[in-house]
Structures are given as structure tokens and as C-alpha cells.
């Protein structure tokens, strides 16, 4: 990544994040001063925050579907007793 060249011969998709992080590291007092830029760079590379968020959304959607199915069953059971 540090070369700046992406897989297709163009500028790499995360190169700008790398440059920002690298410049910060070269002038900062402590590495923790660049933590947010580091996070941005790593997120660009690996998308781990995005994947965690998508997973949470998917799990919540599935939970709602199951809850709706249980409610439908309960409603049917109540109707069947009348």
C-alpha cells in the first residue's frame, strides 16, 4: 500500500488514508495522537467496522422476523380458542 499503486495500476483506494496517517506519525509527539487516522486507514483496508455494523443490522432484522412469526402464532392460537 505504501507504494501508492493499487491492483489496477492506479492510485490505491486507501492511499490517501495512508498518506494522512503516515504524515501524522512523522510529526506527532505520541503515536496515540494519530489513532483516528490509523483507524480510518485500517477501516479502508479491512472494512471491519462496516462488516460488524452490517452483521448487527442483519441480526436485528432476523430477531424482528422471528418475533413477528411468534406473534402470528400466538394470534392464531388465540383465534382458534374462540
PDB file of N, CA and C in Angstrom:
ATOM      1  N   UNK A   1       0.821  -1.192   0.000  1.00  0.00           N
ATOM      2  CA  UNK A   1       0.000   0.000   0.000  1.00  0.00           C
ATOM      3  C   UNK A   1       0.865   1.256   0.000  1.00  0.00           C
ATOM      4  N   UNK A   2       1.953   1.230   0.687  1.00  0.00           N
ATOM      5  CA  UNK A   2       2.768   2.422   0.817  1.00  0.00           C
ATOM      6  C   UNK A   2       3.330   2.892  -0.524  1.00  0.00           C
ATOM      7  N   UNK A   3       3.370   2.009  -1.507  1.00  0.00           N
ATOM      8  CA  UNK A   3       3.867   2.424  -2.821  1.00  0.00           C
ATOM      9  C   UNK A   3       2.890   3.385  -3.486  1.00  0.00           C
ATOM     10  N   UNK A   4       1.631   3.297  -3.107  1.00  0.00           N
ATOM     11  CA  UNK A   4       0.608   4.150  -3.704  1.00  0.00           C
ATOM     12  C   UNK A   4      -0.071   3.538  -4.905  1.00  0.00           C
ATOM     13  N   UNK A   5       0.416   2.393  -5.368  1.00  0.00           N
ATOM     14  CA  UNK A   5      -0.161   1.762  -6.542  1.00  0.00           C
ATOM     15  C   UNK A   5      -1.181   0.713  -6.137  1.00  0.00           C
ATOM     16  N   UNK A   6      -2.360   0.816  -6.738  1.00  0.00           N
ATOM     17  CA  UNK A   6      -3.411  -0.155  -6.485  1.00  0.00           C
ATOM     18  C   UNK A   6      -3.277  -1.353  -7.398  1.00  0.00           C
ATOM     19  N   UNK A   7      -4.197  -2.249  -7.279  1.00  0.00           N
ATOM     20  CA  UNK A   7      -4.165  -3.504  -8.033  1.00  0.00           C
ATOM     21  C   UNK A   7      -4.305  -3.278  -9.538  1.00  0.00           C
ATOM     22  N   UNK A   8      -4.967  -2.188  -9.935  1.00  0.00           N
ATOM     23  CA  UNK A   8      -5.179  -1.916 -11.357  1.00  0.00           C
ATOM     24  C   UNK A   8      -4.178  -0.922 -11.934  1.00  0.00           C
ATOM     25  N   UNK A   9      -3.129  -0.616 -11.187  1.00  0.00           N
ATOM     26  CA  UNK A   9      -2.126   0.309 -11.671  1.00  0.00           C
ATOM     27  C   UNK A   9      -2.433   1.764 -11.376  1.00  0.00           C
ATOM     28  N   UNK A  10      -3.596   2.031 -10.816  1.00  0.00           N
ATOM     29  CA  UNK A  10      -3.959   3.387 -10.419  1.00  0.00           C
ATOM     30  C   UNK A  10      -3.572   3.594  -8.959  1.00  0.00           C
ATOM     31  N   UNK A  11      -3.867   4.787  -8.461  1.00  0.00           N
ATOM     32  CA  UNK A  11      -3.636   5.050  -7.041  1.00  0.00           C
ATOM     33  C   UNK A  11      -4.499   4.095  -6.227  1.00  0.00           C
ATOM     34  N   UNK A  12      -3.927   3.501  -5.211  1.00  0.00           N
ATOM     35  CA  UNK A  12      -4.663   2.567  -4.364  1.00  0.00           C
ATOM     36  C   UNK A  12      -5.814   3.246  -3.645  1.00  0.00           C
ATOM     37  N   UNK A  13      -6.893   2.503  -3.398  1.00  0.00           N
ATOM     38  CA  UNK A  13      -8.087   3.080  -2.798  1.00  0.00           C
ATOM     39  C   UNK A  13      -7.838   3.629  -1.406  1.00  0.00           C
ATOM     40  N   UNK A  14      -6.863   3.097  -0.697  1.00  0.00           N
ATOM     41  CA  UNK A  14      -6.587   3.547   0.665  1.00  0.00           C
ATOM     42  C   UNK A  14      -5.343   4.424   0.761  1.00  0.00           C
ATOM     43  N   UNK A  15      -4.772   4.761  -0.366  1.00  0.00           N
ATOM     44  CA  UNK A  15      -3.508   5.510  -0.347  1.00  0.00           C
ATOM     45  C   UNK A  15      -3.633   6.859   0.354  1.00  0.00           C
ATOM     46  N   UNK A  16      -4.720   7.573   0.106  1.00  0.00           N
ATOM     47  CA  UNK A  16      -4.895   8.877   0.743  1.00  0.00           C
ATOM     48  C   UNK A  16      -4.961   8.738   2.269  1.00  0.00           C
ATOM     49  N   UNK A  17      -5.621   7.675   2.738  1.00  0.00           N
ATOM     50  CA  UNK A  17      -5.673   7.426   4.186  1.00  0.00           C
ATOM     51  C   UNK A  17      -4.269   7.131   4.717  1.00  0.00           C
ATOM     52  N   UNK A  18      -3.508   6.347   3.940  1.00  0.00           N
ATOM     53  CA  UNK A  18      -2.142   6.016   4.341  1.00  0.00           C
ATOM     54  C   UNK A  18      -1.280   7.276   4.442  1.00  0.00           C
ATOM     55  N   UNK A  19      -1.395   8.150   3.456  1.00  0.00           N
ATOM     56  CA  UNK A  19      -0.612   9.390   3.446  1.00  0.00           C
ATOM     57  C   UNK A  19      -0.941  10.233   4.683  1.00  0.00           C
ATOM     58  N   UNK A  20      -2.222  10.397   4.976  1.00  0.00           N
ATOM     59  CA  UNK A  20      -2.625  11.183   6.147  1.00  0.00           C
ATOM     60  C   UNK A  20      -2.054  10.582   7.425  1.00  0.00           C
ATOM     61  N   UNK A  21      -2.179   9.278   7.571  1.00  0.00           N
ATOM     62  CA  UNK A  21      -1.677   8.585   8.760  1.00  0.00           C
ATOM     63  C   UNK A  21      -0.156   8.681   8.834  1.00  0.00           C
ATOM     64  N   UNK A  22       0.508   8.446   7.727  1.00  0.00           N
ATOM     65  CA  UNK A  22       1.964   8.479   7.683  1.00  0.00           C
ATOM     66  C   UNK A  22       2.499   9.872   8.026  1.00  0.00           C
ATOM     67  N   UNK A  23       1.878  10.909   7.466  1.00  0.00           N
ATOM     68  CA  UNK A  23       2.303  12.274   7.765  1.00  0.00           C
ATOM     69  C   UNK A  23       2.095  12.600   9.241  1.00  0.00           C
ATOM     70  N   UNK A  24       0.988  12.161   9.782  1.00  0.00           N
ATOM     71  CA  UNK A  24       0.716  12.389  11.201  1.00  0.00           C
ATOM     72  C   UNK A  24       1.785  11.713  12.055  1.00  0.00           C
ATOM     73  N   UNK A  25       2.097  10.465  11.727  1.00  0.00           N
ATOM     74  CA  UNK A  25       3.091   9.729  12.513  1.00  0.00           C
ATOM     75  C   UNK A  25       4.465  10.388  12.441  1.00  0.00           C
ATOM     76  N   UNK A  26       4.764  10.998  11.327  1.00  0.00           N
ATOM     77  CA  UNK A  26       6.088  11.612  11.184  1.00  0.00           C
ATOM     78  C   UNK A  26       6.217  12.912  11.975  1.00  0.00           C
ATOM     79  N   UNK A  27       5.103  13.524  12.340  1.00  0.00           N
ATOM     80  CA  UNK A  27       5.191  14.797  13.054  1.00  0.00           C
ATOM     81  C   UNK A  27       4.565  14.791  14.449  1.00  0.00           C
ATOM     82  N   UNK A  28       3.977  13.678  14.857  1.00  0.00           N
ATOM     83  CA  UNK A  28       3.289  13.648  16.154  1.00  0.00           C
ATOM     84  C   UNK A  28       4.271  13.440  17.308  1.00  0.00           C
ATOM     85  N   UNK A  29       3.813  13.774  18.499  1.00  0.00           N
ATOM     86  CA  UNK A  29       4.612  13.548  19.700  1.00  0.00           C
ATOM     87  C   UNK A  29       4.479  12.106  20.166  1.00  0.00           C
ATOM     88  N   UNK A  30       3.249  11.595  20.110  1.00  0.00           N
ATOM     89  CA  UNK A  30       2.981  10.220  20.539  1.00  0.00           C
ATOM     90  C   UNK A  30       2.110   9.544  19.485  1.00  0.00           C
ATOM     91  N   UNK A  31       2.342   8.266  19.251  1.00  0.00           N
ATOM     92  CA  UNK A  31       1.534   7.558  18.243  1.00  0.00           C
ATOM     93  C   UNK A  31       0.028   7.649  18.487  1.00  0.00           C
ATOM     94  N   UNK A  32      -0.378   7.728  19.751  1.00  0.00           N
ATOM     95  CA  UNK A  32      -1.820   7.790  20.032  1.00  0.00           C
ATOM     96  C   UNK A  32      -2.451   9.054  19.453  1.00  0.00           C
ATOM     97  N   UNK A  33      -1.644  10.075  19.175  1.00  0.00           N
ATOM     98  CA  UNK A  33      -2.158  11.295  18.560  1.00  0.00           C
ATOM     99  C   UNK A  33      -2.718  11.032  17.162  1.00  0.00           C
ATOM    100  N   UNK A  34      -2.306   9.937  16.556  1.00  0.00           N
ATOM    101  CA  UNK A  34      -2.730   9.607  15.191  1.00  0.00           C
ATOM    102  C   UNK A  34      -3.721   8.444  15.161  1.00  0.00           C
ATOM    103  N   UNK A  35      -4.262   8.102  16.299  1.00  0.00           N
ATOM    104  CA  UNK A  35      -5.119   6.918  16.400  1.00  0.00           C
ATOM    105  C   UNK A  35      -6.316   6.979  15.447  1.00  0.00           C
ATOM    106  N   UNK A  36      -6.968   8.121  15.340  1.00  0.00           N
ATOM    107  CA  UNK A  36      -8.142   8.211  14.461  1.00  0.00           C
ATOM    108  C   UNK A  36      -7.763   8.028  12.996  1.00  0.00           C
ATOM    109  N   UNK A  37      -6.637   8.570  12.610  1.00  0.00           N
ATOM    110  CA  UNK A  37      -6.180   8.384  11.222  1.00  0.00           C
ATOM    111  C   UNK A  37      -5.806   6.927  10.974  1.00  0.00           C
ATOM    112  N   UNK A  38      -5.220   6.291  11.981  1.00  0.00           N
ATOM    113  CA  UNK A  38      -4.885   4.863  11.875  1.00  0.00           C
ATOM    114  C   UNK A  38      -6.164   4.045  11.702  1.00  0.00           C
ATOM    115  N   UNK A  39      -7.179   4.349  12.503  1.00  0.00           N
ATOM    116  CA  UNK A  39      -8.464   3.643  12.395  1.00  0.00           C
ATOM    117  C   UNK A  39      -9.062   3.812  11.006  1.00  0.00           C
ATOM    118  N   UNK A  40      -9.015   5.031  10.488  1.00  0.00           N
ATOM    119  CA  UNK A  40      -9.550   5.277   9.140  1.00  0.00           C
ATOM    120  C   UNK A  40      -8.811   4.445   8.096  1.00  0.00           C
ATOM    121  N   UNK A  41      -7.496   4.407   8.204  1.00  0.00           N
ATOM    122  CA  UNK A  41      -6.695   3.638   7.246  1.00  0.00           C
ATOM    123  C   UNK A  41      -7.025   2.148   7.332  1.00  0.00           C
ATOM    124  N   UNK A  42      -7.066   1.619   8.552  1.00  0.00           N
ATOM    125  CA  UNK A  42      -7.364   0.195   8.715  1.00  0.00           C
ATOM    126  C   UNK A  42      -8.783  -0.138   8.276  1.00  0.00           C
ATOM    127  N   UNK A  43      -9.723   0.770   8.521  1.00  0.00           N
ATOM    128  CA  UNK A  43     -11.093   0.542   8.060  1.00  0.00           C
ATOM    129  C   UNK A  43     -11.141   0.504   6.537  1.00  0.00           C
ATOM    130  N   UNK A  44     -10.397   1.373   5.899  1.00  0.00           N
ATOM    131  CA  UNK A  44     -10.342   1.365   4.438  1.00  0.00           C
ATOM    132  C   UNK A  44      -9.799   0.025   3.932  1.00  0.00           C
ATOM    133  N   UNK A  45      -8.776  -0.479   4.599  1.00  0.00           N
ATOM    134  CA  UNK A  45      -8.174  -1.746   4.172  1.00  0.00           C
ATOM    135  C   UNK A  45      -9.084  -2.944   4.412  1.00  0.00           C
ATOM    136  N   UNK A  46      -9.681  -3.016   5.610  1.00  0.00           N
ATOM    137  CA  UNK A  46     -10.344  -4.256   6.039  1.00  0.00           C
ATOM    138  C   UNK A  46     -11.854  -4.174   6.182  1.00  0.00           C
ATOM    139  N   UNK A  47     -12.418  -2.984   6.272  1.00  0.00           N
ATOM    140  CA  UNK A  47     -13.868  -2.791   6.409  1.00  0.00           C
ATOM    141  C   UNK A  47     -14.455  -3.483   7.635  1.00  0.00           C
ATOM    142  N   UNK A  48     -13.678  -3.654   8.687  1.00  0.00           N
ATOM    143  CA  UNK A  48     -14.171  -4.407   9.848  1.00  0.00           C
ATOM    144  C   UNK A  48     -15.327  -3.712  10.559  1.00  0.00           C
ATOM    145  N   UNK A  49     -15.311  -2.396  10.669  1.00  0.00           N
ATOM    146  CA  UNK A  49     -16.432  -1.693  11.296  1.00  0.00           C
ATOM    147  C   UNK A  49     -17.687  -1.847  10.445  1.00  0.00           C
ATOM    148  N   UNK A  50     -17.510  -1.732   9.147  1.00  0.00           N
ATOM    149  CA  UNK A  50     -18.644  -1.879   8.237  1.00  0.00           C
ATOM    150  C   UNK A  50     -19.243  -3.278   8.366  1.00  0.00           C
ATOM    151  N   UNK A  51     -18.404  -4.303   8.391  1.00  0.00           N
ATOM    152  CA  UNK A  51     -18.908  -5.673   8.496  1.00  0.00           C
ATOM    153  C   UNK A  51     -19.609  -5.910   9.831  1.00  0.00           C
ATOM    154  N   UNK A  52     -19.055  -5.359  10.923  1.00  0.00           N
ATOM    155  CA  UNK A  52     -19.723  -5.505  12.228  1.00  0.00           C
ATOM    156  C   UNK A  52     -21.086  -4.833  12.219  1.00  0.00           C
ATOM    157  N   UNK A  53     -21.152  -3.648  11.621  1.00  0.00           N
ATOM    158  CA  UNK A  53     -22.427  -2.930  11.558  1.00  0.00           C
ATOM    159  C   UNK A  53     -23.440  -3.703  10.713  1.00  0.00           C
ATOM    160  N   UNK A  54     -23.013  -4.194   9.558  1.00  0.00           N
ATOM    161  CA  UNK A  54     -23.920  -4.985   8.719  1.00  0.00           C
ATOM    162  C   UNK A  54     -24.424  -6.223   9.464  1.00  0.00           C
ATOM    163  N   UNK A  55     -23.531  -6.855  10.209  1.00  0.00           N
ATOM    164  CA  UNK A  55     -23.908  -8.049  10.966  1.00  0.00           C
ATOM    165  C   UNK A  55     -24.940  -7.705  12.040  1.00  0.00           C
ATOM    166  N   UNK A  56     -24.741  -6.580  12.749  1.00  0.00           N
ATOM    167  CA  UNK A  56     -25.710  -6.164  13.770  1.00  0.00           C
ATOM    168  C   UNK A  56     -27.067  -5.878  13.139  1.00  0.00           C
ATOM    169  N   UNK A  57     -27.070  -5.217  11.997  1.00  0.00           N
ATOM    170  CA  UNK A  57     -28.324  -4.913  11.302  1.00  0.00           C
ATOM    171  C   UNK A  57     -29.019  -6.204  10.890  1.00  0.00           C
ATOM    172  N   UNK A  58     -28.266  -7.140  10.332  1.00  0.00           N
ATOM    173  CA  UNK A  58     -28.836  -8.416   9.905  1.00  0.00           C
ATOM    174  C   UNK A  58     -29.437  -9.164  11.091  1.00  0.00           C
ATOM    175  N   UNK A  59     -28.703  -9.223  12.198  1.00  0.00           N
ATOM    176  CA  UNK A  59     -29.200  -9.929  13.385  1.00  0.00           C
ATOM    177  C   UNK A  59     -30.475  -9.289  13.915  1.00  0.00           C
ATOM    178  N   UNK A  60     -30.535  -7.961  13.904  1.00  0.00           N
ATOM    179  CA  UNK A  60     -31.740  -7.273  14.368  1.00  0.00           C
ATOM    180  C   UNK A  60     -32.914  -7.547  13.440  1.00  0.00           C
ATOM    181  N   UNK A  61     -32.680  -7.554  12.137  1.00  0.00           N
ATOM    182  CA  UNK A  61     -33.747  -7.879  11.193  1.00  0.00           C
ATOM    183  C   UNK A  61     -34.268  -9.294  11.429  1.00  0.00           C
ATOM    184  N   UNK A  62     -33.365 -10.236  11.642  1.00  0.00           N
ATOM    185  CA  UNK A  62     -33.765 -11.618  11.900  1.00  0.00           C
ATOM    186  C   UNK A  62     -34.545 -11.739  13.207  1.00  0.00           C
ATOM    187  N   UNK A  63     -34.116 -10.984  14.235  1.00  0.00           N
ATOM    188  CA  UNK A  63     -34.821 -11.004  15.515  1.00  0.00           C
ATOM    189  C   UNK A  63     -36.256 -10.506  15.335  1.00  0.00           C
ATOM    190  N   UNK A  64     -36.425  -9.430  14.544  1.00  0.00           N
ATOM    191  CA  UNK A  64     -37.762  -8.884  14.309  1.00  0.00           C
ATOM    192  C   UNK A  64     -38.631  -9.867  13.535  1.00  0.00           C
ATOM    193  N   UNK A  65     -38.047 -10.543  12.567  1.00  0.00           N
ATOM    194  CA  UNK A  65     -38.796 -11.540  11.786  1.00  0.00           C
ATOM    195  C   UNK A  65     -39.269 -12.666  12.695  1.00  0.00           C
ATOM    196  N   UNK A  66     -38.362 -13.157  13.562  1.00  0.00           N
ATOM    197  CA  UNK A  66     -38.748 -14.233  14.491  1.00  0.00           C
ATOM    198  C   UNK A  66     -39.822 -13.764  15.465  1.00  0.00           C
ATOM    199  N   UNK A  67     -39.698 -12.545  15.972  1.00  0.00           N
ATOM    200  CA  UNK A  67     -40.686 -12.013  16.909  1.00  0.00           C
ATOM    201  C   UNK A  67     -42.051 -11.893  16.229  1.00  0.00           C
ATOM    202  N   UNK A  68     -42.075 -11.432  14.987  1.00  0.00           N
ATOM    203  CA  UNK A  68     -43.330 -11.310  14.246  1.00  0.00           C
ATOM    204  C   UNK A  68     -43.944 -12.685  14.010  1.00  0.00           C
ATOM    205  N   UNK A  69     -43.118 -13.675  13.700  1.00  0.00           N
ATOM    206  CA  UNK A  69     -43.623 -15.037  13.478  1.00  0.00           C
ATOM    207  C   UNK A  69     -44.216 -15.598  14.762  1.00  0.00           C
ATOM    208  N   UNK A  70     -43.550 -15.349  15.901  1.00  0.00           N
ATOM    209  CA  UNK A  70     -44.094 -15.825  17.195  1.00  0.00           C
ATOM    210  C   UNK A  70     -45.423 -15.146  17.491  1.00  0.00           C
ATOM    211  N   UNK A  71     -45.508 -13.850  17.233  1.00  0.00           N
ATOM    212  CA  UNK A  71     -46.745 -13.117  17.492  1.00  0.00           C
ATOM    213  C   UNK A  71     -47.869 -13.663  16.610  1.00  0.00           C
ATOM    214  N   UNK A  72     -47.564 -13.944  15.341  1.00  0.00           N
ATOM    215  CA  UNK A  72     -48.575 -14.502  14.442  1.00  0.00           C
ATOM    216  C   UNK A  72     -49.079 -15.846  14.960  1.00  0.00           C
ATOM    217  N   UNK A  73     -48.166 -16.685  15.455  1.00  0.00           N
ATOM    218  CA  UNK A  73     -48.564 -17.985  16.000  1.00  0.00           C
ATOM    219  C   UNK A  73     -49.464 -17.813  17.213  1.00  0.00           C
ATOM    220  N   UNK A  74     -49.084 -16.870  18.090  1.00  0.00           N
ATOM    221  CA  UNK A  74     -49.885 -16.615  19.289  1.00  0.00           C
ATOM    222  C   UNK A  74     -51.265 -16.093  18.904  1.00  0.00           C
ATOM    223  N   UNK A  75     -51.329 -15.203  17.923  1.00  0.00           N
ATOM    224  CA  UNK A  75     -52.614 -14.667  17.469  1.00  0.00           C
ATOM    225  C   UNK A  75     -53.488 -15.774  16.891  1.00  0.00           C
ATOM    226  N   UNK A  76     -52.893 -16.673  16.130  1.00  0.00           N
ATOM    227  CA  UNK A  76     -53.636 -17.807  15.565  1.00  0.00           C
ATOM    228  C   UNK A  76     -54.157 -18.721  16.659  1.00  0.00           C
ATOM    229  N   UNK A  77     -53.326 -18.944  17.688  1.00  0.00           N
ATOM    230  CA  UNK A  77     -53.725 -19.806  18.798  1.00  0.00           C
ATOM    231  C   UNK A  77     -54.908 -19.186  19.545  1.00  0.00           C
ATOM    232  N   UNK A  78     -54.893 -17.886  19.744  1.00  0.00           N
ATOM    233  CA  UNK A  78     -55.998 -17.208  20.441  1.00  0.00           C
ATOM    234  C   UNK A  78     -57.268 -17.294  19.608  1.00  0.00           C
ATOM    235  N   UNK A  79     -57.166 -17.095  18.306  1.00  0.00           N
ATOM    236  CA  UNK A  79     -58.326 -17.172  17.419  1.00  0.00           C
ATOM    237  C   UNK A  79     -58.905 -18.587  17.408  1.00  0.00           C
ATOM    238  N   UNK A  80     -58.064 -19.577  17.498  1.00  0.00           N
ATOM    239  CA  UNK A  80     -58.518 -20.967  17.460  1.00  0.00           C
ATOM    240  C   UNK A  80     -59.284 -21.379  18.700  1.00  0.00           C
ATOM    241  N   UNK A  81     -59.137 -20.651  19.782  1.00  0.00           N
ATOM    242  CA  UNK A  81     -59.830 -20.998  21.038  1.00  0.00           C
ATOM    243  C   UNK A  81     -61.197 -20.347  21.146  1.00  0.00           C
ATOM    244  N   UNK A  82     -61.600 -19.525  20.206  1.00  0.00           N
ATOM    245  CA  UNK A  82     -62.897 -18.863  20.288  1.00  0.00           C
ATOM    246  C   UNK A  82     -63.951 -19.661  19.645  1.00  0.00           C
TER     247      UNK A  82
END
